[in-house]
């Protein structure tokens, strides 16, 4: 691997714990989970699947956060983390493939991009996502991160109307300042649906972002390979919702 693993305290609970991948074998476990979720379960057209792995050129430059079952050590959740200084060295962030990122790469302070997040199907109604986010929070604290951003995906729906309806909700509840807006390279087909015509509740990941204080940086990008609309969410850690953050961070100790 091209990335040295920093010392992240292992948050070990009775059922689940979170850790950074410590070597190539652990990274392959994350890539295998991504393949099962994105490729087999969701039917995404992966650009370069490798023998049951979802892998790309950025993996070697990222830290990989894993959620494991305490009893079996099986990986049931993962995400990858790309620091701003690394992205500048290798030529950019993953989300730049979908968006013109505008002013975001030049924000003052340390940036962290979160991506390729997934949870195994049998664990999505449990604590796995909370445990994963507690690991992200620990990483943020360890590296003194100022801004967290990444894509949250929503189903497109027929004519992209479901994704457009979610965007209508975000425009009312959680839009970033105009100076922080990004431009999607492939806009939604139904992006011009009026707010008084169509609306949809926020799915769990987006709802968690918004509760933490994150904001949507403009319109969604259409990703036909995954059948989703990707919405770039940005969290200024100075705007972190203290009540929700405390609840969020304490939940892992219960598991």
Protein backbone atom coordinates (compact mmCIF):
# COMPACT_ATOMS: atom_id res chain seq x y z
CA UNK A 1 0.00 0.00 0.00
CA UNK A 2 1.14 3.56 -0.66
CA UNK A 3 -0.40 4.92 2.55
CA UNK A 4 0.93 4.53 6.06
CA UNK A 5 -1.80 3.64 8.54
CA UNK A 6 -2.12 6.14 11.36
CA UNK A 7 -2.82 4.98 14.89
CA UNK A 8 -6.61 5.07 15.24
CA UNK A 9 -7.84 3.75 18.58
CA UNK A 10 -9.84 0.57 17.98
CA UNK A 11 -13.40 1.08 19.21
CA UNK A 12 -14.22 -2.49 20.18
CA UNK A 13 -17.76 -3.28 21.31
CA UNK A 14 -19.56 -6.45 22.26
CA UNK A 15 -20.84 -6.98 18.71
CA UNK A 16 -18.95 -4.62 16.38
CA UNK A 17 -15.72 -2.65 16.25
CA UNK A 18 -14.07 -0.24 13.84
CA UNK A 19 -10.46 -0.05 12.70
CA UNK A 20 -8.25 1.18 9.88
CA UNK A 21 -7.11 -1.46 7.40
CA UNK A 22 -3.57 -2.34 8.40
CA UNK A 23 -2.38 -3.92 5.15
CA UNK A 24 -3.24 -5.21 1.67
CA UNK A 25 -5.26 -8.18 2.94
CA UNK A 26 -7.56 -5.96 4.99
CA UNK A 27 -7.99 -3.58 2.06
CA UNK A 28 -8.99 -6.53 -0.13
CA UNK A 29 -11.65 -7.43 2.44
CA UNK A 30 -13.11 -3.94 2.02
CA UNK A 31 -12.93 -4.24 -1.77
CA UNK A 32 -14.67 -7.62 -1.59
CA UNK A 33 -17.52 -6.15 0.47
CA UNK A 34 -17.84 -3.27 -1.98
CA UNK A 35 -18.05 -5.78 -4.84
CA UNK A 36 -20.78 -7.79 -3.10
CA UNK A 37 -22.85 -4.71 -2.29
CA UNK A 38 -22.31 -2.57 -5.39
CA UNK A 39 -21.75 -5.22 -8.04
CA UNK A 40 -23.79 -8.26 -6.97
CA UNK A 41 -26.57 -6.78 -4.83
CA UNK A 42 -27.15 -3.41 -6.51
CA UNK A 43 -26.14 -4.49 -10.01
CA UNK A 44 -23.78 -1.58 -10.60
CA UNK A 45 -21.61 -1.63 -13.71
CA UNK A 46 -18.21 -1.56 -12.05
CA UNK A 47 -15.56 -0.09 -14.31
CA UNK A 48 -12.77 -2.54 -13.48
CA UNK A 49 -13.93 -5.45 -11.30
CA UNK A 50 -11.06 -7.72 -10.35
CA UNK A 51 -11.85 -11.30 -9.31
CA UNK A 52 -14.67 -10.38 -6.95
CA UNK A 53 -13.14 -7.03 -5.89
CA UNK A 54 -14.28 -3.45 -6.47
CA UNK A 55 -10.90 -1.74 -6.87
CA UNK A 56 -9.64 1.42 -8.53
CA UNK A 57 -6.53 3.54 -8.76
CA UNK A 58 -7.38 5.63 -5.69
CA UNK A 59 -7.47 2.71 -3.24
CA UNK A 60 -3.69 2.71 -2.82
CA UNK A 61 -3.75 6.38 -1.76
CA UNK A 62 -6.58 6.15 0.78
CA UNK A 63 -7.07 4.94 4.32
CA UNK A 64 -9.78 2.27 4.55
CA UNK A 65 -12.03 2.18 7.60
CA UNK A 66 -13.55 -1.20 8.42
CA UNK A 67 -16.39 -2.28 10.68
CA UNK A 68 -15.92 -5.88 11.86
CA UNK A 69 -17.98 -8.31 13.86
CA UNK A 70 -16.26 -8.78 17.20
CA UNK A 71 -16.90 -12.53 17.33
CA UNK A 72 -15.88 -13.46 13.78
CA UNK A 73 -13.78 -10.47 12.57
CA UNK A 74 -15.91 -10.47 9.40
CA UNK A 75 -16.00 -7.08 7.62
CA UNK A 76 -19.59 -5.81 7.51
CA UNK A 77 -18.99 -2.16 6.68
CA UNK A 78 -16.34 0.04 5.13
CA UNK A 79 -15.50 3.44 3.75
CA UNK A 80 -12.38 5.01 2.35
CA UNK A 81 -10.81 8.29 3.39
CA UNK A 82 -8.77 10.58 1.14
CA UNK A 83 -6.99 13.52 2.76
CA UNK A 84 -6.72 16.84 0.95
CA UNK A 85 -2.93 16.90 0.82
CA UNK A 86 -2.91 13.43 -0.73
CA UNK A 87 -5.52 14.43 -3.31
CA UNK A 88 -3.44 17.43 -4.33
CA UNK A 89 -0.38 15.22 -4.74
CA UNK A 90 -2.13 12.61 -6.93
CA UNK A 91 -4.15 15.03 -9.02
CA UNK A 92 -7.52 15.47 -7.34
CA UNK A 93 -10.44 14.03 -5.41
CA UNK A 94 -12.65 11.14 -6.54
CA UNK A 95 -15.73 13.39 -6.60
CA UNK A 96 -14.05 15.57 -9.25
CA UNK A 97 -14.98 12.79 -11.71
CA UNK A 98 -18.63 13.78 -11.23
CA UNK A 99 -18.51 17.46 -10.29
CA UNK A 100 -16.69 20.67 -11.02
CA UNK A 101 -15.75 21.18 -7.38
CA UNK A 102 -15.38 24.94 -7.66
CA UNK A 103 -14.03 26.50 -4.46
CA UNK A 104 -14.08 23.34 -2.31
CA UNK A 105 -10.48 22.14 -2.93
CA UNK A 106 -9.23 25.63 -1.98
CA UNK A 107 -11.08 25.85 1.35
CA UNK A 108 -8.77 27.00 4.16
CA UNK A 109 -7.88 24.10 6.43
CA UNK A 110 -7.62 20.33 6.17
CA UNK A 111 -10.06 18.47 3.91
CA UNK A 112 -11.18 14.85 4.05
CA UNK A 113 -13.17 13.11 1.32
CA UNK A 114 -15.30 10.11 2.31
CA UNK A 115 -16.32 7.64 -0.37
CA UNK A 116 -17.19 4.09 -1.43
CA UNK A 117 -19.17 3.63 1.79
CA UNK A 118 -21.20 0.45 2.14
CA UNK A 119 -22.77 -1.80 4.78
CA UNK A 120 -23.62 -5.47 4.24
CA UNK A 121 -27.34 -6.04 3.76
CA UNK A 122 -27.94 -7.93 7.01
CA UNK A 123 -26.41 -5.13 9.10
CA UNK A 124 -28.14 -2.06 7.67
CA UNK A 125 -30.82 -1.87 10.33
CA UNK A 126 -28.37 -2.24 13.20
CA UNK A 127 -25.51 -0.25 14.65
CA UNK A 128 -22.98 -0.76 11.85
CA UNK A 129 -23.42 2.67 10.28
CA UNK A 130 -23.15 4.38 13.67
CA UNK A 131 -19.99 2.42 14.47
CA UNK A 132 -18.54 3.34 11.08
CA UNK A 133 -19.28 7.02 11.63
CA UNK A 134 -17.73 6.88 15.07
CA UNK A 135 -14.54 5.68 13.36
CA UNK A 136 -14.74 8.60 10.93
CA UNK A 137 -15.14 10.93 13.90
CA UNK A 138 -12.05 9.43 15.53
CA UNK A 139 -10.08 9.88 12.30
CA UNK A 140 -11.23 13.51 12.04
CA UNK A 141 -10.03 14.16 15.58
CA UNK A 142 -6.74 12.34 15.02
CA UNK A 143 -5.91 14.32 11.87
CA UNK A 144 -7.43 17.65 12.96
CA UNK A 145 -9.74 17.79 9.93
CA UNK A 146 -11.62 21.03 9.21
CA UNK A 147 -13.94 19.95 6.38
CA UNK A 148 -15.52 16.58 5.58
CA UNK A 149 -17.19 16.00 2.23
CA UNK A 150 -18.40 13.20 0.02
CA UNK A 151 -21.22 11.96 -2.17
CA UNK A 152 -24.47 10.64 -0.72
CA UNK A 153 -26.38 8.51 -3.22
CA UNK A 154 -30.13 8.30 -3.77
CA UNK A 155 -32.06 6.11 -6.24
CA UNK A 156 -32.77 7.86 -9.53
CA UNK A 157 -36.34 6.61 -9.97
CA UNK A 158 -38.20 6.71 -13.27
CA UNK A 159 -37.06 9.73 -15.25
CA UNK A 160 -34.77 10.59 -12.31
CA UNK A 161 -37.83 11.93 -10.48
CA UNK A 162 -37.06 10.34 -7.11
CA UNK A 163 -33.61 11.93 -6.97
CA UNK A 164 -35.11 15.24 -8.09
CA UNK A 165 -37.68 15.02 -5.29
CA UNK A 166 -34.94 14.47 -2.70
CA UNK A 167 -33.15 17.52 -4.07
CA UNK A 168 -36.33 19.55 -3.58
CA UNK A 169 -36.25 18.64 0.11
CA UNK A 170 -32.56 19.52 0.41
CA UNK A 171 -33.07 22.90 -1.24
CA UNK A 172 -35.45 23.80 1.58
CA UNK A 173 -33.52 22.26 4.45
CA UNK A 174 -29.79 22.09 3.82
CA UNK A 175 -28.20 23.95 0.92
CA UNK A 176 -24.67 25.34 1.08
CA UNK A 177 -23.90 28.99 0.45
CA UNK A 178 -23.69 29.93 -3.26
CA UNK A 179 -19.90 30.31 -3.02
CA UNK A 180 -19.64 26.59 -2.15
CA UNK A 181 -21.84 25.23 -4.93
CA UNK A 182 -20.53 22.56 -7.30
CA UNK A 183 -21.64 21.79 -10.85
CA UNK A 184 -22.62 18.22 -11.81
CA UNK A 185 -21.07 16.96 -15.03
CA UNK A 186 -24.21 14.89 -15.76
CA UNK A 187 -27.31 16.65 -14.31
CA UNK A 188 -30.49 14.77 -13.45
CA UNK A 189 -33.04 14.35 -16.20
CA UNK A 190 -35.76 15.59 -13.85
CA UNK A 191 -33.74 18.34 -12.17
CA UNK A 192 -36.27 21.05 -13.08
CA UNK A 193 -39.26 19.58 -11.17
CA UNK A 194 -40.86 22.33 -9.10
CA UNK A 195 -40.76 22.05 -5.31
CA UNK A 196 -44.53 22.39 -5.04
CA UNK A 197 -45.02 19.42 -7.39
CA UNK A 198 -42.69 16.77 -6.02
CA UNK A 199 -40.97 16.15 -2.70
CA UNK A 200 -39.42 13.16 -0.92
CA UNK A 201 -38.04 12.48 2.57
CA UNK A 202 -34.30 12.21 3.03
CA UNK A 203 -32.88 8.66 3.12
CA UNK A 204 -30.95 7.65 6.28
CA UNK A 205 -27.41 8.59 5.15
CA UNK A 206 -28.48 12.00 3.91
CA UNK A 207 -30.53 12.57 7.04
CA UNK A 208 -27.47 11.77 9.17
CA UNK A 209 -25.36 14.22 7.17
CA UNK A 210 -27.92 16.98 7.62
CA UNK A 211 -28.36 16.33 11.34
CA UNK A 212 -24.61 16.64 11.79
CA UNK A 213 -24.74 20.05 10.09
CA UNK A 214 -23.68 19.14 6.53
CA UNK A 215 -25.02 21.01 3.51
CA UNK A 216 -25.68 20.00 -0.09
CA UNK A 217 -23.33 21.78 -2.48
CA UNK A 218 -25.76 22.06 -5.36
CA UNK A 219 -27.58 19.73 -7.73
CA UNK A 220 -27.13 15.97 -7.94
CA UNK A 221 -25.01 14.21 -10.54
CA UNK A 222 -26.50 11.33 -12.51
CA UNK A 223 -24.54 8.07 -12.19
CA UNK A 224 -26.18 5.58 -14.57
CA UNK A 225 -23.58 2.87 -13.82
CA UNK A 226 -24.84 2.70 -10.23
CA UNK A 227 -28.41 3.80 -11.00
CA UNK A 228 -28.21 6.64 -8.48
CA UNK A 229 -28.01 10.38 -8.15
CA UNK A 230 -24.96 11.53 -6.21
CA UNK A 231 -25.27 14.61 -4.02
CA UNK A 232 -22.10 16.25 -2.75
CA UNK A 233 -22.41 16.96 0.96
CA UNK A 234 -19.99 19.25 2.82
CA UNK A 235 -19.57 19.45 6.59
CA UNK A 236 -17.65 22.35 8.10
CA UNK A 237 -16.54 20.82 11.39
CA UNK A 238 -16.96 24.24 12.96
CA UNK A 239 -20.69 23.92 12.23
CA UNK A 240 -21.02 20.42 13.72
CA UNK A 241 -24.33 20.03 15.54
CA UNK A 242 -23.11 19.38 19.11
CA UNK A 243 -26.25 17.62 20.33
CA UNK A 244 -26.47 15.16 17.45
CA UNK A 245 -22.69 14.68 17.34
CA UNK A 246 -22.61 13.72 21.03
CA UNK A 247 -25.45 11.22 20.56
CA UNK A 248 -23.77 9.87 17.46
CA UNK A 249 -20.38 9.41 19.11
CA UNK A 250 -21.75 7.85 22.28
CA UNK A 251 -23.79 5.17 20.47
CA UNK A 252 -20.74 3.08 19.66
CA UNK A 253 -20.03 2.45 23.36
CA UNK A 254 -23.39 0.70 23.58
CA UNK A 255 -22.32 -1.94 21.06
